[in-house]
Amino acid sequence: MQKISNRVQALAVSQTLAMSQKSAELRAAGTDVINMSVGEPDFNTPEHIKEAAVKAIAENYTHYSPVPGYASLREAIAAKLDRENRLHYTPAQIVVGNGAKHALSNVLLATVDPGDEVVIPTPAWVSYVELVKLAGGTPVLVPSGIENDFKLTPAQLEASLTPRSRAIIICSPSNPTGSVYTREELAALVSVLEQHPEVLVIADEIYEHIRYTGTDFVSLASFDSIADRTVVINGVSKAYAMTGWRIGYCAAPAEIAKAVSKLQGQATSGVSSIAQKAAEAAYTGSQECVVEMCEAFRRRRDLIVSLARQIPGWRVNEPQGAFYLFPEVSSYFGTTDGERTVSDSSDLAMYLLEVAHVATVGGGAFGAPDYLRLSYATSDENIVKAMERIADALKRLKKI
């Protein structure tokens, strides 16, 4: 038996990918499963972006690309940040990675040492904790609940910071809750961070364009007092339905960008040349596709919220972004249908997969064990059918 490193043994398996895999296995066996576990738009990549990839192949963009990404793509990203976010990064401060997850991992590996603490407001995306652990850091989880729309408060932030604090990761719009911080809420957090100049601010903004607030997006990097120690993580996966193209980036202070590029040069080198040219077309071409997809997600948000609020025992808020619903479902813990027992949200997710044939993800994976995550990045028809199945399955559960 071969030895596996301690760093890998210490990592948890991604529960979102694991549940998606289980649902795929059931579908392959002939079961009609509705997958609400995966964080992926159900739309196809827009045609003008695909055409750019075909053109890149024809023009022989098939050789090694520069480690931090093609200059033309980094210029397009810098122009996007300036145009949409009023952020002023040079192309040299941008490093293109294999998706936003890779970009975030690179930043953590480049800035976090063993013993350093990284503050993570929860509920949080499943990979944050594991990526911090992989970098040798210590995750510091700060929980919030549905009563305040799952948002970190200034008092909580202040209480979580210690002399060992190295960074904080804030995701807005949020995976898994869909919460979006207002400018005033971010300003209140910034007022705390101003007193801790040693803390790096990592702003995960991958869901930036999927918002229903009716207000302009506010980036943490737009606050002058912390701009020189803020790293923006973003990419094309969600806004342009390009998950499989694997293009994300970090926009960072120059010394961090240089360190990330150094690390990436040894680990993966430059990312896919064809995907980079497609991403360039996404940023420089028409943005009508982004608006159209966001409107579809808004309609689906309204639909799933209305249906979820009809389920007895579920507590449901109205997410302001992304494409997730995160209901509180603990009233179903300690129940059984006579064959299966539901003790926690993981059991409930498995029960819904096996009985309702709907794939969801238990909230424990996100640091919130009383909740369940449902992705509504699927058709209106699937949402209606899934919620009907879930409601019927839950009616079978009785208290033990």
Protein backbone atom coordinates (compact mmCIF):
# COMPACT_ATOMS: atom_id res chain seq x y z
CA MET A 1 0.00 0.00 0.00
CA GLN A 2 1.42 3.35 -1.04
CA LYS A 3 1.85 6.20 1.41
CA ILE A 4 -0.34 9.27 0.85
CA SER A 5 0.93 12.62 2.11
CA ASN A 6 -0.47 14.08 5.30
CA ARG A 7 -1.51 17.25 3.48
CA VAL A 8 -3.80 15.29 1.17
CA GLN A 9 -5.10 13.02 3.91
CA ALA A 10 -6.08 16.11 5.89
CA LEU A 11 -8.23 17.45 3.05
CA ALA A 12 -11.97 16.81 2.93
CA VAL A 13 -13.59 15.64 -0.29
CA SER A 14 -15.63 18.38 -1.99
CA GLN A 15 -19.21 17.59 -0.98
CA THR A 16 -20.68 19.57 -3.87
CA LEU A 17 -18.72 17.54 -6.41
CA ALA A 18 -19.39 14.31 -4.51
CA MET A 19 -23.15 14.83 -4.54
CA SER A 20 -23.07 15.80 -8.21
CA GLN A 21 -21.18 12.58 -8.92
CA LYS A 22 -23.72 10.49 -7.00
CA SER A 23 -26.58 12.05 -8.92
CA ALA A 24 -24.75 11.36 -12.20
CA GLU A 25 -24.34 7.71 -11.21
CA LEU A 26 -28.06 7.40 -10.48
CA ARG A 27 -28.93 9.01 -13.81
CA ALA A 28 -26.57 6.62 -15.58
CA ALA A 29 -28.46 3.76 -13.93
CA GLY A 30 -31.74 5.09 -15.35
CA THR A 31 -33.07 7.18 -12.43
CA ASP A 32 -34.66 10.51 -13.29
CA VAL A 33 -32.57 12.75 -10.99
CA ILE A 34 -32.88 16.54 -10.92
CA ASN A 35 -29.46 17.89 -10.02
CA MET A 36 -29.66 20.96 -7.76
CA SER A 37 -26.26 20.31 -6.20
CA VAL A 38 -23.91 21.78 -8.77
CA GLY A 39 -22.80 25.41 -8.91
CA GLU A 40 -22.87 25.68 -12.67
CA PRO A 41 -25.02 27.74 -15.05
CA ASP A 42 -27.16 25.49 -17.24
CA PHE A 43 -26.70 27.79 -20.23
CA ASN A 44 -24.29 27.11 -23.08
CA THR A 45 -21.32 29.40 -23.65
CA PRO A 46 -22.47 32.29 -25.92
CA GLU A 47 -21.77 31.85 -29.62
CA HIS A 48 -19.40 34.80 -30.06
CA ILE A 49 -17.15 33.39 -27.35
CA LYS A 50 -17.08 29.93 -28.92
CA GLU A 51 -16.34 31.50 -32.31
CA ALA A 52 -13.32 33.27 -30.79
CA ALA A 53 -11.99 29.90 -29.62
CA VAL A 54 -12.40 28.40 -33.08
CA LYS A 55 -10.64 31.39 -34.59
CA ALA A 56 -7.79 31.00 -32.07
CA ILE A 57 -7.28 27.40 -33.18
CA ALA A 58 -7.26 28.45 -36.82
CA GLU A 59 -4.69 31.13 -36.01
CA ASN A 60 -2.50 28.55 -34.23
CA TYR A 61 -2.80 29.77 -30.66
CA THR A 62 -1.68 26.29 -29.74
CA HIS A 63 1.69 26.86 -28.12
CA TYR A 64 2.73 27.59 -24.54
CA SER A 65 1.19 30.78 -23.26
CA PRO A 66 2.93 33.24 -20.91
CA VAL A 67 2.75 32.13 -17.28
CA PRO A 68 0.50 35.00 -16.07
CA GLY A 69 -1.64 34.88 -19.23
CA TYR A 70 -1.61 36.56 -22.62
CA ALA A 71 -0.98 40.29 -22.40
CA SER A 72 -4.12 40.93 -24.47
CA LEU A 73 -6.30 39.02 -21.98
CA ARG A 74 -4.75 40.73 -18.96
CA GLU A 75 -5.28 44.09 -20.69
CA ALA A 76 -8.93 43.16 -21.28
CA ILE A 77 -9.33 42.22 -17.62
CA ALA A 78 -7.68 45.46 -16.48
CA ALA A 79 -10.02 47.40 -18.77
CA LYS A 80 -13.02 45.53 -17.37
CA LEU A 81 -11.99 46.30 -13.79
CA ASP A 82 -11.54 49.98 -14.65
CA ARG A 83 -14.77 50.24 -16.66
CA GLU A 84 -17.10 48.28 -14.41
CA ASN A 85 -15.55 48.56 -10.96
CA ARG A 86 -13.43 51.73 -11.09
CA LEU A 87 -10.42 49.67 -10.02
CA HIS A 88 -7.04 50.59 -11.43
CA TYR A 89 -4.84 47.54 -11.93
CA THR A 90 -2.07 47.24 -14.47
CA PRO A 91 -1.84 44.05 -16.56
CA ALA A 92 1.27 43.17 -14.53
CA GLN A 93 -0.93 42.96 -11.42
CA ILE A 94 -3.18 40.33 -13.00
CA VAL A 95 -2.43 36.61 -13.13
CA VAL A 96 -4.72 34.29 -15.08
CA GLY A 97 -5.26 30.86 -13.56
CA ASN A 98 -7.12 27.64 -14.24
CA GLY A 99 -10.39 28.96 -12.85
CA ALA A 100 -11.09 31.16 -9.84
CA LYS A 101 -10.42 28.23 -7.49
CA HIS A 102 -6.89 27.91 -8.85
CA ALA A 103 -6.36 31.67 -8.63
CA LEU A 104 -7.47 31.65 -4.99
CA SER A 105 -5.31 28.65 -4.17
CA ASN A 106 -2.29 30.39 -5.71
CA VAL A 107 -2.90 33.53 -3.63
CA LEU A 108 -3.17 31.53 -0.40
CA LEU A 109 -0.06 29.47 -1.18
CA ALA A 110 1.83 32.67 -1.99
CA THR A 111 0.83 34.59 1.15
CA VAL A 112 0.01 32.18 3.99
CA ASP A 113 2.56 30.40 6.18
CA PRO A 114 2.01 27.60 8.69
CA GLY A 115 0.35 29.04 11.79
CA ASP A 116 -1.17 32.01 9.98
CA GLU A 117 -4.89 32.45 10.56
CA VAL A 118 -7.36 33.12 7.76
CA VAL A 119 -10.79 34.42 8.76
CA ILE A 120 -13.66 32.79 6.85
CA PRO A 121 -17.21 34.01 7.46
CA THR A 122 -19.58 31.05 7.28
CA PRO A 123 -21.61 29.73 5.58
CA ALA A 124 -18.77 29.60 3.05
CA TRP A 125 -17.87 27.83 -0.15
CA VAL A 126 -16.60 24.34 0.58
CA SER A 127 -13.07 24.88 -0.76
CA TYR A 128 -12.07 27.89 1.35
CA VAL A 129 -11.27 25.88 4.46
CA GLU A 130 -9.47 23.14 2.57
CA LEU A 131 -7.36 25.56 0.51
CA VAL A 132 -6.30 27.40 3.66
CA LYS A 133 -5.32 24.07 5.24
CA LEU A 134 -3.41 23.11 2.10
CA ALA A 135 -1.40 26.32 2.43
CA GLY A 136 -0.58 25.42 6.04
CA GLY A 137 -2.85 28.08 7.50
CA THR A 138 -5.48 27.84 10.22
CA PRO A 139 -9.07 28.56 9.19
CA VAL A 140 -10.97 30.75 11.65
CA LEU A 141 -14.68 30.24 11.03
CA VAL A 142 -17.10 33.02 11.96
CA PRO A 143 -20.72 31.83 11.74
CA SER A 144 -23.82 33.81 10.83
CA GLY A 145 -27.40 32.74 10.19
CA ILE A 146 -30.52 33.39 8.21
CA GLU A 147 -31.71 36.02 10.69
CA ASN A 148 -29.12 38.49 9.35
CA ASP A 149 -28.95 37.16 5.78
CA PHE A 150 -25.75 35.27 6.58
CA LYS A 151 -23.57 38.39 6.74
CA LEU A 152 -20.51 39.03 8.88
CA THR A 153 -20.92 41.94 11.30
CA PRO A 154 -18.17 44.40 12.26
CA ALA A 155 -18.29 43.16 15.86
CA GLN A 156 -17.78 39.57 14.72
CA LEU A 157 -14.91 40.60 12.49
CA GLU A 158 -13.17 42.50 15.27
CA ALA A 159 -13.56 39.56 17.66
CA SER A 160 -12.11 37.12 15.11
CA LEU A 161 -8.86 39.00 14.49
CA THR A 162 -5.73 38.11 16.46
CA PRO A 163 -2.00 38.83 16.15
CA ARG A 164 -1.82 35.69 14.00
CA SER A 165 -4.44 36.86 11.49
CA ARG A 166 -3.01 36.92 7.98
CA ALA A 167 -6.06 37.25 5.74
CA ILE A 168 -9.82 37.29 5.45
CA ILE A 169 -11.88 35.86 2.58
CA ILE A 170 -15.17 37.60 1.79
CA CYS A 171 -17.46 36.34 -0.97
CA SER A 172 -20.15 38.67 -2.27
CA PRO A 173 -22.47 37.63 -3.88
CA SER A 174 -22.11 34.56 -1.74
CA ASN A 175 -21.86 30.88 -2.43
CA PRO A 176 -23.78 29.20 -0.78
CA THR A 177 -26.28 31.78 0.47
CA GLY A 178 -26.70 34.31 -2.34
CA SER A 179 -26.19 37.16 0.12
CA VAL A 180 -24.85 40.46 -1.24
CA TYR A 181 -23.18 43.03 1.00
CA THR A 182 -24.33 46.61 0.55
CA ARG A 183 -21.84 49.46 0.26
CA GLU A 184 -22.70 50.50 3.82
CA GLU A 185 -22.15 46.98 5.17
CA LEU A 186 -18.80 46.69 3.43
CA ALA A 187 -17.77 50.14 4.66
CA ALA A 188 -18.49 49.03 8.23
CA LEU A 189 -16.21 46.00 7.78
CA VAL A 190 -13.54 48.16 6.17
CA SER A 191 -13.58 50.47 9.22
CA VAL A 192 -12.51 47.46 11.29
CA LEU A 193 -9.91 46.29 8.79
CA GLU A 194 -8.37 49.77 8.75
CA GLN A 195 -7.26 49.09 12.33
CA HIS A 196 -5.50 45.87 11.25
CA PRO A 197 -3.15 46.82 8.40
CA GLU A 198 -1.41 43.44 8.51
CA VAL A 199 -4.53 41.60 7.32
CA LEU A 200 -4.75 40.77 3.61
CA VAL A 201 -8.25 41.12 2.17
CA ILE A 202 -9.28 38.50 -0.40
CA ALA A 203 -12.48 39.44 -2.25
CA ASP A 204 -14.07 36.53 -4.09
CA GLU A 205 -16.27 38.26 -6.68
CA ILE A 206 -16.93 35.38 -9.07
CA TYR A 207 -20.72 35.95 -8.86
CA GLU A 208 -20.40 39.69 -9.43
CA HIS A 209 -22.73 39.80 -12.44
CA ILE A 210 -25.45 37.57 -10.98
CA ARG A 211 -27.21 40.07 -8.70
CA TYR A 212 -30.81 41.13 -8.17
CA THR A 213 -30.25 44.18 -6.00
CA GLY A 214 -30.87 46.83 -8.65
CA THR A 215 -27.74 48.64 -7.43
CA ASP A 216 -24.18 48.82 -8.75
CA PHE A 217 -21.79 46.13 -7.64
CA VAL A 218 -19.39 47.25 -4.90
CA SER A 219 -15.93 45.68 -4.77
CA LEU A 220 -13.96 45.63 -1.55
CA ALA A 221 -10.98 46.82 -3.58
CA SER A 222 -12.84 50.08 -4.30
CA PHE A 223 -12.25 51.29 -0.72
CA ASP A 224 -9.09 53.39 -0.89
CA SER A 225 -7.97 52.64 2.66
CA ILE A 226 -7.53 48.90 1.97
CA ALA A 227 -7.04 48.88 -1.82
CA ASP A 228 -3.29 48.30 -1.55
CA ARG A 229 -3.81 45.05 0.38
CA THR A 230 -6.88 43.67 -1.37
CA VAL A 231 -6.81 40.79 -3.85
CA VAL A 232 -9.75 40.38 -6.22
CA ILE A 233 -10.65 36.86 -7.36
CA ASN A 234 -12.90 36.61 -10.40
CA GLY A 235 -13.31 34.86 -13.74
CA VAL A 236 -15.62 33.94 -16.60
CA SER A 237 -17.18 30.72 -15.28
CA LYS A 238 -20.45 32.01 -13.83
CA ALA A 239 -21.24 35.22 -15.72
CA TYR A 240 -20.49 33.81 -19.18
CA ALA A 241 -21.43 30.14 -18.62
CA MET A 242 -17.80 29.07 -19.14
CA THR A 243 -17.20 26.69 -16.24
CA GLY A 244 -15.43 24.11 -18.39
CA TRP A 245 -13.08 26.62 -19.98
CA ARG A 246 -11.27 27.04 -16.63
CA ILE A 247 -10.34 30.71 -16.72
CA GLY A 248 -10.13 32.78 -13.54
CA TYR A 249 -7.76 35.42 -12.30
CA CYS A 250 -6.42 37.35 -9.37
CA ALA A 251 -5.89 41.10 -9.46
CA ALA A 252 -3.46 41.89 -6.69
CA PRO A 253 -0.81 44.19 -5.28
CA ALA A 254 2.26 43.93 -7.50
CA GLU A 255 4.39 41.89 -5.09
CA ILE A 256 1.61 39.33 -4.60
CA ALA A 257 0.94 39.06 -8.34
CA LYS A 258 4.66 38.49 -8.91
CA ALA A 259 4.72 35.76 -6.23
CA VAL A 260 1.63 34.08 -7.69
CA SER A 261 3.20 34.09 -11.16
CA LYS A 262 6.39 32.58 -9.74
CA LEU A 263 4.38 29.82 -8.07
CA GLN A 264 2.27 29.15 -11.15
CA GLY A 265 5.40 28.99 -13.30
CA GLN A 266 6.54 25.94 -11.36
CA ALA A 267 3.12 24.32 -10.84
CA THR A 268 1.10 24.65 -14.04
CA SER A 269 2.70 27.29 -16.28
CA GLY A 270 0.30 29.33 -18.40
CA VAL A 271 -3.30 28.18 -18.77
CA SER A 272 -5.04 26.95 -21.93
CA SER A 273 -4.21 29.20 -24.86
CA ILE A 274 -7.56 28.60 -26.59
CA ALA A 275 -9.58 29.23 -23.43
CA GLN A 276 -7.71 32.49 -22.88
CA LYS A 277 -8.69 33.79 -26.31
CA ALA A 278 -12.30 32.80 -25.60
CA ALA A 279 -12.19 34.67 -22.28
CA GLU A 280 -10.76 37.71 -24.03
CA ALA A 281 -13.80 37.71 -26.33
CA ALA A 282 -16.06 37.43 -23.28
CA TYR A 283 -14.60 40.58 -21.75
CA THR A 284 -14.33 42.63 -24.93
CA GLY A 285 -17.51 41.55 -26.74
CA SER A 286 -21.21 42.22 -26.20
CA GLN A 287 -22.41 41.88 -22.60
CA GLU A 288 -26.03 41.27 -23.60
CA CYS A 289 -25.64 37.56 -22.85
CA VAL A 290 -24.70 38.36 -19.25
CA VAL A 291 -27.82 40.48 -18.77
CA GLU A 292 -30.07 37.83 -20.32
CA MET A 293 -28.72 35.04 -18.11
CA CYS A 294 -29.02 37.18 -15.00
CA GLU A 295 -32.66 37.92 -15.77
CA ALA A 296 -33.34 34.19 -16.15
CA PHE A 297 -31.70 33.55 -12.78
CA ARG A 298 -33.79 36.31 -11.21
CA ARG A 299 -36.99 34.69 -12.48
CA ARG A 300 -35.86 31.32 -11.16
CA ARG A 301 -34.94 32.87 -7.80
CA ASP A 302 -38.44 34.24 -7.43
CA LEU A 303 -39.94 30.89 -8.40
CA ILE A 304 -37.92 28.73 -6.03
CA VAL A 305 -38.33 31.13 -3.10
CA SER A 306 -42.11 31.12 -3.51
CA LEU A 307 -42.21 27.32 -3.66
CA ALA A 308 -39.75 26.78 -0.79
CA ARG A 309 -41.76 29.04 1.50
CA GLN A 310 -44.69 26.66 1.12
CA ILE A 311 -42.74 23.77 2.67
CA PRO A 312 -43.61 23.35 6.36
CA GLY A 313 -40.66 23.79 8.69
CA TRP A 314 -38.31 25.45 6.21
CA ARG A 315 -37.06 28.94 6.99
CA VAL A 316 -36.30 30.76 3.73
CA ASN A 317 -34.82 34.18 3.01
CA GLU A 318 -34.60 35.91 -0.36
CA PRO A 319 -31.08 35.66 -1.83
CA GLN A 320 -29.89 38.80 -3.61
CA GLY A 321 -27.36 37.17 -5.91
CA ALA A 322 -25.73 33.99 -7.24
CA PHE A 323 -28.08 31.07 -7.95
CA TYR A 324 -28.47 29.28 -4.63
CA LEU A 325 -31.19 28.91 -2.01
CA PHE A 326 -30.02 28.12 1.52
CA PRO A 327 -33.04 27.23 3.69
CA GLU A 328 -32.83 26.34 7.38
CA VAL A 329 -34.15 22.76 7.62
CA SER A 330 -33.34 21.56 11.16
CA SER A 331 -37.01 20.87 11.95
CA TYR A 332 -36.58 17.67 9.94
CA PHE A 333 -33.68 16.39 12.03
CA GLY A 334 -34.63 13.45 14.22
CA THR A 335 -37.22 12.13 11.77
CA THR A 336 -37.74 8.88 9.87
CA ASP A 337 -39.83 7.47 7.05
CA GLY A 338 -39.69 4.04 8.66
CA GLU A 339 -36.67 2.94 6.66
CA ARG A 340 -34.29 5.90 6.72
CA THR A 341 -33.39 8.19 9.62
CA VAL A 342 -32.55 11.87 9.16
CA SER A 343 -30.15 13.10 11.84
CA ASP A 344 -28.58 16.08 10.08
CA SER A 345 -28.51 17.98 6.79
CA SER A 346 -26.22 15.41 5.14
CA ASP A 347 -28.77 12.71 5.93
CA LEU A 348 -31.52 14.94 4.61
CA ALA A 349 -29.64 15.56 1.36
CA MET A 350 -29.13 11.83 0.91
CA TYR A 351 -32.78 11.14 1.75
CA LEU A 352 -33.93 13.65 -0.87
CA LEU A 353 -31.59 12.09 -3.44
CA GLU A 354 -32.77 8.54 -2.76
CA VAL A 355 -36.49 9.24 -2.23
CA ALA A 356 -37.25 12.45 -4.13
CA HIS A 357 -34.50 11.95 -6.72
CA VAL A 358 -33.35 15.53 -6.22
CA ALA A 359 -29.66 16.21 -5.59
CA THR A 360 -28.90 18.91 -2.99
CA VAL A 361 -25.95 19.52 -0.64
CA GLY A 362 -26.05 19.40 3.16
CA GLY A 363 -25.12 22.66 4.86
CA GLY A 364 -22.42 21.06 6.98
CA ALA A 365 -20.16 21.17 3.93
CA PHE A 366 -20.42 24.98 4.09
CA GLY A 367 -19.97 25.27 7.84
CA ALA A 368 -23.73 25.59 8.48
CA PRO A 369 -25.09 22.17 9.50
CA ASP A 370 -28.71 23.32 9.95
CA TYR A 371 -29.08 24.29 6.30
CA LEU A 372 -29.39 22.80 2.83
CA ARG A 373 -28.08 24.26 -0.44
CA LEU A 374 -30.16 24.08 -3.59
CA SER A 375 -28.88 25.43 -6.90
CA TYR A 376 -31.57 26.93 -9.11
CA ALA A 377 -29.28 27.03 -12.14
CA THR A 378 -31.75 24.81 -13.95
CA SER A 379 -34.96 25.22 -15.91
CA ASP A 380 -38.21 26.57 -14.47
CA GLU A 381 -39.77 23.18 -15.22
CA ASN A 382 -37.08 21.36 -13.24
CA ILE A 383 -37.45 23.77 -10.32
CA VAL A 384 -41.20 23.17 -10.10
CA LYS A 385 -40.81 19.41 -10.44
CA ALA A 386 -37.96 19.27 -7.91
CA MET A 387 -39.80 21.29 -5.27
CA GLU A 388 -42.91 19.12 -5.71
CA ARG A 389 -40.79 15.99 -5.22
CA ILE A 390 -39.07 17.47 -2.17
CA ALA A 391 -42.37 18.50 -0.57
CA ASP A 392 -43.86 15.04 -1.14
CA ALA A 393 -40.79 13.28 0.26
CA LEU A 394 -40.70 15.47 3.38
CA LYS A 395 -44.34 14.65 4.14
CA ARG A 396 -43.25 11.04 4.72
CA LEU A 397 -40.90 11.98 7.54
CA LYS A 398 -42.19 11.68 11.11
CA LYS A 399 -40.49 12.53 14.40
CA ILE A 400 -38.79 9.62 16.08
